[in-house]
Amino acid sequence: MSKKNKTLKEILDLILYENPATQDEIAQRLGISRRYVTQLIQPLIKDGTIKRAYIIDMKSYEKVAESLGEYVTPKNDSGNVLINDMLLNMAKHVHSQLEMSFDAILESDEDKANNALEMDYATNNMVEKIRTSVETIVSINQHSEFSKSVLYNEVAYDLERIGDYCGHIAKFAINDIYEVSDDILRKLKKMHKTAQKMLRLSMSAFLEGRTDLKEDIMGLEESIHILQAKSINLIATQMAESSFDEKERSNYFIYLFRVIKAFERIGDISVEIKDVAIEFHDNIPRPTTPRTFRLN
């Protein structure tokens, strides 16, 4: 590979994995001039391989990689099996993290809440291991089905985000000094159960190719949004009946809203994993329009 092509590959890899904000940052990270960066990537910007905000169109990238002499046919299945196993273990871990976080609320158990928060360190480490493993597999079997390989990282990142929202739930058990009313607690139990099921089905869609679960997942998403609205209405009623002279009471409602929002976001992220599964297995690209702006 020529020096020019090697530098171009380094630029593309930097964009893929490090998300640089500007050409100046790319130049600084690679120790080259900004003008040289512009010279190399300008043709790729014009043909759509590199989009604005330095996002790469993966199908176009594979063509570029092939032209650079970096494309070899297909990678063996052992790499995929390894990453699948790592994602499966991560999903089980996050599932347990969510379970322990909510148990901490149900049992008013601060120790469980702290244990759930500590589990997030392992979740973060799992993301890094998966990212490194994907890079290693791609480097060994360079850019074969590259776009699909990168989707493993996206699912791992989604699981990490779910782990972060588990932390919001666990923190409620630590900060809460008021008992949650029975009617709100019933809604939280249903949201928790729905979120757990959405996570389980979305990971089955990705790991097992069960894209036929799409309708089930979307139905559960609608349910969790309905539960969210009902929970917020109940909290609003309680707020109207409460005095905010005490700061603790005000904070209680803030933390409770965060728990409800956490369950809703876990459901939304599960839908995103389902979308990745469809792209991975059915080769149907995900919509580029943000989900909140879609008509259906």
Protein backbone atom coordinates (compact mmCIF):
# COMPACT_ATOMS: atom_id res chain seq x y z
CA MET A 1 0.00 0.00 0.00
CA SER A 2 1.31 3.43 -0.93
CA LYS A 3 2.04 6.03 1.76
CA LYS A 4 -0.87 8.14 0.51
CA ASN A 5 -3.33 5.26 0.72
CA LYS A 6 -2.02 4.29 4.15
CA THR A 7 -2.63 7.84 5.40
CA LEU A 8 -6.12 7.85 3.88
CA LYS A 9 -6.91 4.58 5.64
CA GLU A 10 -5.69 6.07 8.94
CA ILE A 11 -7.98 9.05 8.41
CA LEU A 12 -10.98 6.83 7.70
CA ASP A 13 -10.27 4.64 10.72
CA LEU A 14 -9.95 7.73 12.91
CA ILE A 15 -13.34 8.98 11.70
CA LEU A 16 -14.91 5.57 12.29
CA TYR A 17 -13.63 4.99 15.81
CA GLU A 18 -12.74 8.36 17.33
CA ASN A 19 -15.42 10.71 15.90
CA PRO A 20 -13.24 13.78 15.29
CA ALA A 21 -15.11 17.07 15.11
CA THR A 22 -12.96 18.95 12.60
CA GLN A 23 -10.29 18.45 9.96
CA ASP A 24 -7.92 20.30 12.28
CA GLU A 25 -8.45 17.59 14.89
CA ILE A 26 -7.83 14.86 12.32
CA ALA A 27 -4.61 16.55 11.25
CA GLN A 28 -3.44 17.02 14.82
CA ARG A 29 -4.19 13.41 15.80
CA LEU A 30 -2.29 11.99 12.82
CA GLY A 31 0.54 14.52 12.80
CA ILE A 32 -0.15 15.78 9.28
CA SER A 33 -1.25 19.11 7.86
CA ARG A 34 -4.87 20.13 7.59
CA ARG A 35 -4.32 20.87 3.91
CA TYR A 36 -3.21 17.28 3.31
CA VAL A 37 -6.30 15.98 5.16
CA THR A 38 -8.52 18.12 2.94
CA GLN A 39 -6.71 16.92 -0.18
CA LEU A 40 -7.25 13.26 0.69
CA ILE A 41 -10.85 13.33 1.87
CA GLN A 42 -12.33 15.94 -0.47
CA PRO A 43 -13.07 13.38 -3.24
CA LEU A 44 -14.77 11.14 -0.67
CA ILE A 45 -16.88 14.02 0.60
CA LYS A 46 -17.98 14.80 -2.96
CA ASP A 47 -18.99 11.22 -3.75
CA GLY A 48 -20.84 10.79 -0.44
CA THR A 49 -18.49 8.30 1.22
CA ILE A 50 -17.83 10.85 3.96
CA LYS A 51 -20.87 12.84 4.97
CA ARG A 52 -21.06 16.05 6.93
CA ALA A 53 -20.04 15.90 10.60
CA TYR A 54 -17.53 13.25 9.46
CA ILE A 55 -19.80 10.24 9.26
CA ILE A 56 -18.86 7.47 6.84
CA ASP A 57 -21.26 5.71 4.51
CA MET A 58 -20.24 2.13 5.19
CA LYS A 59 -21.16 0.65 1.80
CA SER A 60 -19.11 3.31 0.02
CA TYR A 61 -16.31 2.76 2.52
CA GLU A 62 -16.05 -0.91 1.57
CA LYS A 63 -15.58 0.10 -2.07
CA VAL A 64 -12.88 2.57 -1.08
CA ALA A 65 -11.19 -0.05 1.10
CA GLU A 66 -11.16 -2.45 -1.82
CA SER A 67 -9.56 0.17 -4.07
CA LEU A 68 -6.87 0.66 -1.43
CA GLY A 69 -6.06 -3.03 -1.59
CA GLU A 70 -7.48 -3.68 1.87
CA TYR A 71 -10.42 -5.90 0.94
CA VAL A 72 -10.34 -9.66 1.31
CA THR A 73 -13.22 -12.09 1.12
CA PRO A 74 -15.20 -13.20 3.67
CA LYS A 75 -14.01 -13.42 7.22
CA ASN A 76 -14.46 -16.72 8.98
CA ASP A 77 -17.36 -17.24 11.30
CA SER A 78 -15.21 -17.69 14.40
CA GLY A 79 -14.82 -13.94 14.84
CA ASN A 80 -18.57 -13.43 14.66
CA VAL A 81 -19.14 -16.22 17.18
CA LEU A 82 -16.69 -14.58 19.57
CA ILE A 83 -18.38 -11.17 19.38
CA ASN A 84 -21.84 -12.74 19.62
CA ASP A 85 -20.80 -14.48 22.83
CA MET A 86 -19.38 -11.24 24.24
CA LEU A 87 -22.57 -9.35 23.40
CA LEU A 88 -24.69 -12.11 24.89
CA ASN A 89 -22.72 -11.94 28.14
CA MET A 90 -22.97 -8.16 28.16
CA ALA A 91 -26.74 -8.30 27.60
CA LYS A 92 -27.11 -10.76 30.51
CA HIS A 93 -25.00 -8.48 32.69
CA VAL A 94 -27.06 -5.40 31.83
CA HIS A 95 -30.25 -7.39 32.38
CA SER A 96 -29.01 -8.26 35.89
CA GLN A 97 -27.98 -4.64 36.44
CA LEU A 98 -31.50 -3.48 35.62
CA GLU A 99 -32.99 -6.16 37.85
CA MET A 100 -30.83 -5.23 40.80
CA SER A 101 -31.45 -1.50 40.32
CA PHE A 102 -35.21 -1.93 40.49
CA ASP A 103 -35.02 -4.47 43.33
CA ALA A 104 -33.18 -1.78 45.29
CA ILE A 105 -36.27 0.44 44.96
CA LEU A 106 -38.72 -2.32 45.79
CA GLU A 107 -36.77 -3.35 48.88
CA SER A 108 -35.47 0.13 49.82
CA ASP A 109 -32.05 -1.50 49.82
CA GLU A 110 -29.22 1.01 49.52
CA ASP A 111 -26.59 -1.75 49.39
CA LYS A 112 -28.25 -3.27 46.33
CA ALA A 113 -28.40 0.16 44.74
CA ASN A 114 -24.66 0.64 45.29
CA ASN A 115 -23.95 -2.83 43.92
CA ALA A 116 -25.98 -1.99 40.81
CA LEU A 117 -23.94 1.19 40.36
CA GLU A 118 -20.72 -0.79 40.70
CA MET A 119 -21.93 -3.16 37.99
CA ASP A 120 -21.79 -0.24 35.58
CA TYR A 121 -17.98 -0.31 35.72
CA ALA A 122 -18.05 -3.85 34.33
CA THR A 123 -20.57 -2.74 31.69
CA ASN A 124 -18.19 -0.01 30.53
CA ASN A 125 -15.28 -2.44 30.40
CA MET A 126 -17.32 -4.84 28.28
CA VAL A 127 -17.92 -2.13 25.70
CA GLU A 128 -14.22 -1.49 25.39
CA LYS A 129 -13.43 -5.19 25.05
CA ILE A 130 -16.01 -5.61 22.30
CA ARG A 131 -14.74 -2.55 20.45
CA THR A 132 -11.16 -3.84 20.65
CA SER A 133 -12.19 -7.33 19.56
CA VAL A 134 -14.08 -5.96 16.54
CA GLU A 135 -11.01 -3.92 15.55
CA THR A 136 -8.82 -7.02 15.86
CA ILE A 137 -11.12 -9.18 13.76
CA VAL A 138 -11.40 -6.51 11.09
CA SER A 139 -7.62 -6.06 11.00
CA ILE A 140 -7.13 -9.79 10.50
CA ASN A 141 -9.81 -10.09 7.80
CA GLN A 142 -9.69 -6.55 6.59
CA HIS A 143 -12.97 -4.88 5.68
CA SER A 144 -14.87 -8.00 4.70
CA GLU A 145 -18.51 -7.20 5.56
CA PHE A 146 -17.03 -4.19 7.33
CA SER A 147 -20.32 -2.34 7.71
CA LYS A 148 -21.79 -5.30 9.57
CA SER A 149 -18.76 -5.63 11.82
CA VAL A 150 -19.12 -2.06 12.99
CA LEU A 151 -22.76 -2.72 13.94
CA TYR A 152 -21.50 -4.91 16.79
CA ASN A 153 -20.00 -1.79 18.34
CA GLU A 154 -23.30 0.03 18.02
CA VAL A 155 -25.17 -2.67 19.91
CA ALA A 156 -22.50 -2.70 22.62
CA TYR A 157 -22.79 1.07 22.93
CA ASP A 158 -26.58 0.78 23.18
CA LEU A 159 -26.20 -1.73 26.01
CA GLU A 160 -23.83 0.65 27.75
CA ARG A 161 -26.46 3.40 27.51
CA ILE A 162 -29.02 1.09 29.08
CA GLY A 163 -26.53 0.49 31.88
CA ASP A 164 -26.30 4.25 32.41
CA TYR A 165 -30.09 4.49 32.77
CA CYS A 166 -29.99 1.62 35.26
CA GLY A 167 -27.83 3.95 37.31
CA HIS A 168 -30.63 6.54 37.37
CA ILE A 169 -32.95 3.89 38.80
CA ALA A 170 -30.45 2.75 41.42
CA LYS A 171 -29.75 6.31 42.54
CA PHE A 172 -33.42 6.77 43.39
CA ALA A 173 -33.10 4.05 46.03
CA ILE A 174 -30.13 5.91 47.51
CA ASN A 175 -31.64 9.39 47.44
CA ASP A 176 -35.26 8.52 48.21
CA ILE A 177 -36.52 9.31 51.71
CA TYR A 178 -40.22 8.93 50.88
CA GLU A 179 -42.12 5.73 50.20
CA VAL A 180 -43.44 5.43 46.65
CA SER A 181 -47.24 5.23 46.60
CA ASP A 182 -48.80 1.90 45.67
CA ASP A 183 -50.47 3.18 42.48
CA ILE A 184 -47.22 4.63 41.13
CA LEU A 185 -45.27 1.55 42.20
CA ARG A 186 -47.66 -0.65 40.23
CA LYS A 187 -46.94 1.40 37.12
CA LEU A 188 -43.19 1.22 37.75
CA LYS A 189 -43.38 -2.58 38.06
CA LYS A 190 -45.14 -2.80 34.70
CA MET A 191 -42.61 -0.44 33.08
CA HIS A 192 -39.76 -2.51 34.51
CA LYS A 193 -41.25 -5.76 33.22
CA THR A 194 -41.87 -4.23 29.78
CA ALA A 195 -38.37 -2.77 29.56
CA GLN A 196 -36.82 -6.12 30.50
CA LYS A 197 -38.83 -7.91 27.83
CA MET A 198 -37.97 -5.31 25.17
CA LEU A 199 -34.28 -5.69 25.96
CA ARG A 200 -34.51 -9.48 25.76
CA LEU A 201 -36.41 -9.49 22.46
CA SER A 202 -34.21 -6.86 20.82
CA MET A 203 -31.06 -8.84 21.65
CA SER A 204 -32.70 -12.01 20.30
CA ALA A 205 -33.41 -10.08 17.11
CA PHE A 206 -29.74 -9.16 16.78
CA LEU A 207 -27.96 -12.26 18.06
CA GLU A 208 -30.34 -14.85 16.62
CA GLY A 209 -31.58 -13.00 13.54
CA ARG A 210 -35.13 -12.92 14.95
CA THR A 211 -36.17 -9.82 13.02
CA ASP A 212 -39.69 -11.26 13.00
CA LEU A 213 -39.90 -9.93 16.58
CA LYS A 214 -40.16 -6.39 15.23
CA GLU A 215 -43.92 -6.06 15.75
CA ASP A 216 -43.71 -7.49 19.28
CA ILE A 217 -41.04 -4.95 20.20
CA MET A 218 -42.97 -2.04 18.70
CA GLY A 219 -46.11 -3.11 20.55
CA LEU A 220 -44.18 -3.15 23.82
CA GLU A 221 -42.79 0.30 23.04
CA GLU A 222 -46.30 1.66 22.72
CA SER A 223 -47.20 0.05 26.04
CA ILE A 224 -44.25 1.58 27.85
CA HIS A 225 -45.11 5.05 26.53
CA ILE A 226 -48.69 4.65 27.75
CA LEU A 227 -47.41 3.58 31.17
CA GLN A 228 -45.08 6.55 31.21
CA ALA A 229 -47.93 8.98 30.53
CA LYS A 230 -50.09 7.42 33.23
CA SER A 231 -47.24 7.51 35.74
CA ILE A 232 -46.54 11.17 35.03
CA ASN A 233 -50.21 12.00 35.52
CA LEU A 234 -50.19 10.26 38.89
CA ILE A 235 -47.07 12.15 39.95
CA ALA A 236 -48.57 15.43 38.76
CA THR A 237 -51.60 14.77 40.97
CA GLN A 238 -49.39 14.06 43.95
CA MET A 239 -47.36 17.18 43.30
CA ALA A 240 -50.52 19.29 43.23
CA GLU A 241 -51.49 17.89 46.61
CA SER A 242 -48.05 18.34 48.17
CA SER A 243 -46.26 21.23 49.80
CA PHE A 244 -42.85 22.09 48.44
CA ASP A 245 -41.68 23.78 51.62
CA GLU A 246 -39.31 20.88 52.15
CA LYS A 247 -36.49 20.56 49.65
CA GLU A 248 -36.44 16.78 50.10
CA ARG A 249 -40.01 16.49 48.84
CA SER A 250 -39.16 18.45 45.72
CA ASN A 251 -36.09 16.31 45.08
CA TYR A 252 -38.18 13.16 45.55
CA PHE A 253 -40.39 14.04 42.58
CA ILE A 254 -37.36 14.95 40.45
CA TYR A 255 -35.72 11.59 41.15
CA LEU A 256 -38.99 9.75 40.55
CA PHE A 257 -39.40 11.43 37.16
CA ARG A 258 -35.87 10.23 36.29
CA VAL A 259 -36.82 6.63 37.08
CA ILE A 260 -39.84 6.83 34.76
CA LYS A 261 -37.75 8.45 32.05
CA ALA A 262 -35.07 5.77 32.47
CA PHE A 263 -37.54 2.97 31.74
CA GLU A 264 -38.87 4.86 28.71
CA ARG A 265 -35.35 5.40 27.34
CA ILE A 266 -34.43 1.75 27.89
CA GLY A 267 -37.43 0.88 25.74
CA ASP A 268 -36.40 3.36 23.04
CA ILE A 269 -32.84 2.02 23.00
CA SER A 270 -34.19 -1.52 22.66
CA VAL A 271 -36.04 -0.36 19.54
CA GLU A 272 -32.75 1.05 18.22
CA ILE A 273 -31.11 -2.35 18.76
CA LYS A 274 -34.00 -3.91 16.82
CA ASP A 275 -33.34 -1.47 13.97
CA VAL A 276 -29.66 -2.46 13.96
CA ALA A 277 -30.69 -6.12 13.85
CA ILE A 278 -32.81 -5.53 10.76
CA GLU A 279 -29.95 -3.73 9.04
CA PHE A 280 -27.51 -6.48 10.05
CA HIS A 281 -29.60 -9.48 9.02
CA ASP A 282 -32.02 -8.15 6.38
CA ASN A 283 -29.77 -5.49 4.84
CA ILE A 284 -32.46 -2.84 5.32
CA PRO A 285 -30.83 0.49 6.27
CA ARG A 286 -32.12 2.24 9.35
CA PRO A 287 -34.14 5.45 8.89
CA THR A 288 -32.03 8.60 9.07
CA THR A 289 -34.90 10.69 10.48
CA PRO A 290 -34.83 10.90 14.30
CA ARG A 291 -37.47 8.59 15.73
CA THR A 292 -39.31 11.43 17.49
CA PHE A 293 -39.97 13.09 14.13
CA ARG A 294 -41.26 10.02 12.28
CA LEU A 295 -44.91 9.72 11.39
CA ASN A 296 -45.06 6.03 12.28
